[in-house]
Amino acid sequence: MMNHLSLVGFAYTLSLKYILIFLTIVV
């Protein structure tokens, strides 16, 4: 359970970082 939760949180943080990088490149 906990491992799955941490995995989801890690993926969410990673996608957030990629979105920030994408926005920086576009803008």
Protein backbone atom coordinates (compact mmCIF):
# COMPACT_ATOMS: atom_id res chain seq x y z
CA MET A 1 0.00 0.00 0.00
CA MET A 2 2.61 2.51 1.13
CA ASN A 3 4.94 1.65 -1.74
CA HIS A 4 2.14 2.22 -4.25
CA LEU A 5 1.32 5.56 -2.64
CA SER A 6 4.93 6.74 -2.74
CA LEU A 7 5.17 5.62 -6.37
CA VAL A 8 2.13 7.72 -7.27
CA GLY A 9 3.59 10.70 -5.43
CA PHE A 10 6.95 10.25 -7.19
CA ALA A 11 5.29 10.07 -10.61
CA TYR A 12 3.18 13.15 -9.81
CA THR A 13 6.27 15.12 -8.76
CA LEU A 14 8.18 13.97 -11.84
CA SER A 15 5.36 14.98 -14.21
CA LEU A 16 5.10 18.33 -12.42
CA LYS A 17 8.82 18.92 -12.98
CA TYR A 18 8.48 18.05 -16.68
CA ILE A 19 5.52 20.44 -17.01
CA LEU A 20 7.62 23.23 -15.47
CA ILE A 21 10.48 22.48 -17.89
CA PHE A 22 8.02 22.44 -20.81
CA LEU A 23 6.57 25.81 -19.77
CA THR A 24 10.07 27.27 -19.41
CA ILE A 25 10.97 26.16 -22.95
CA VAL A 26 7.71 27.42 -24.46
CA VAL A 27 7.79 30.76 -22.61
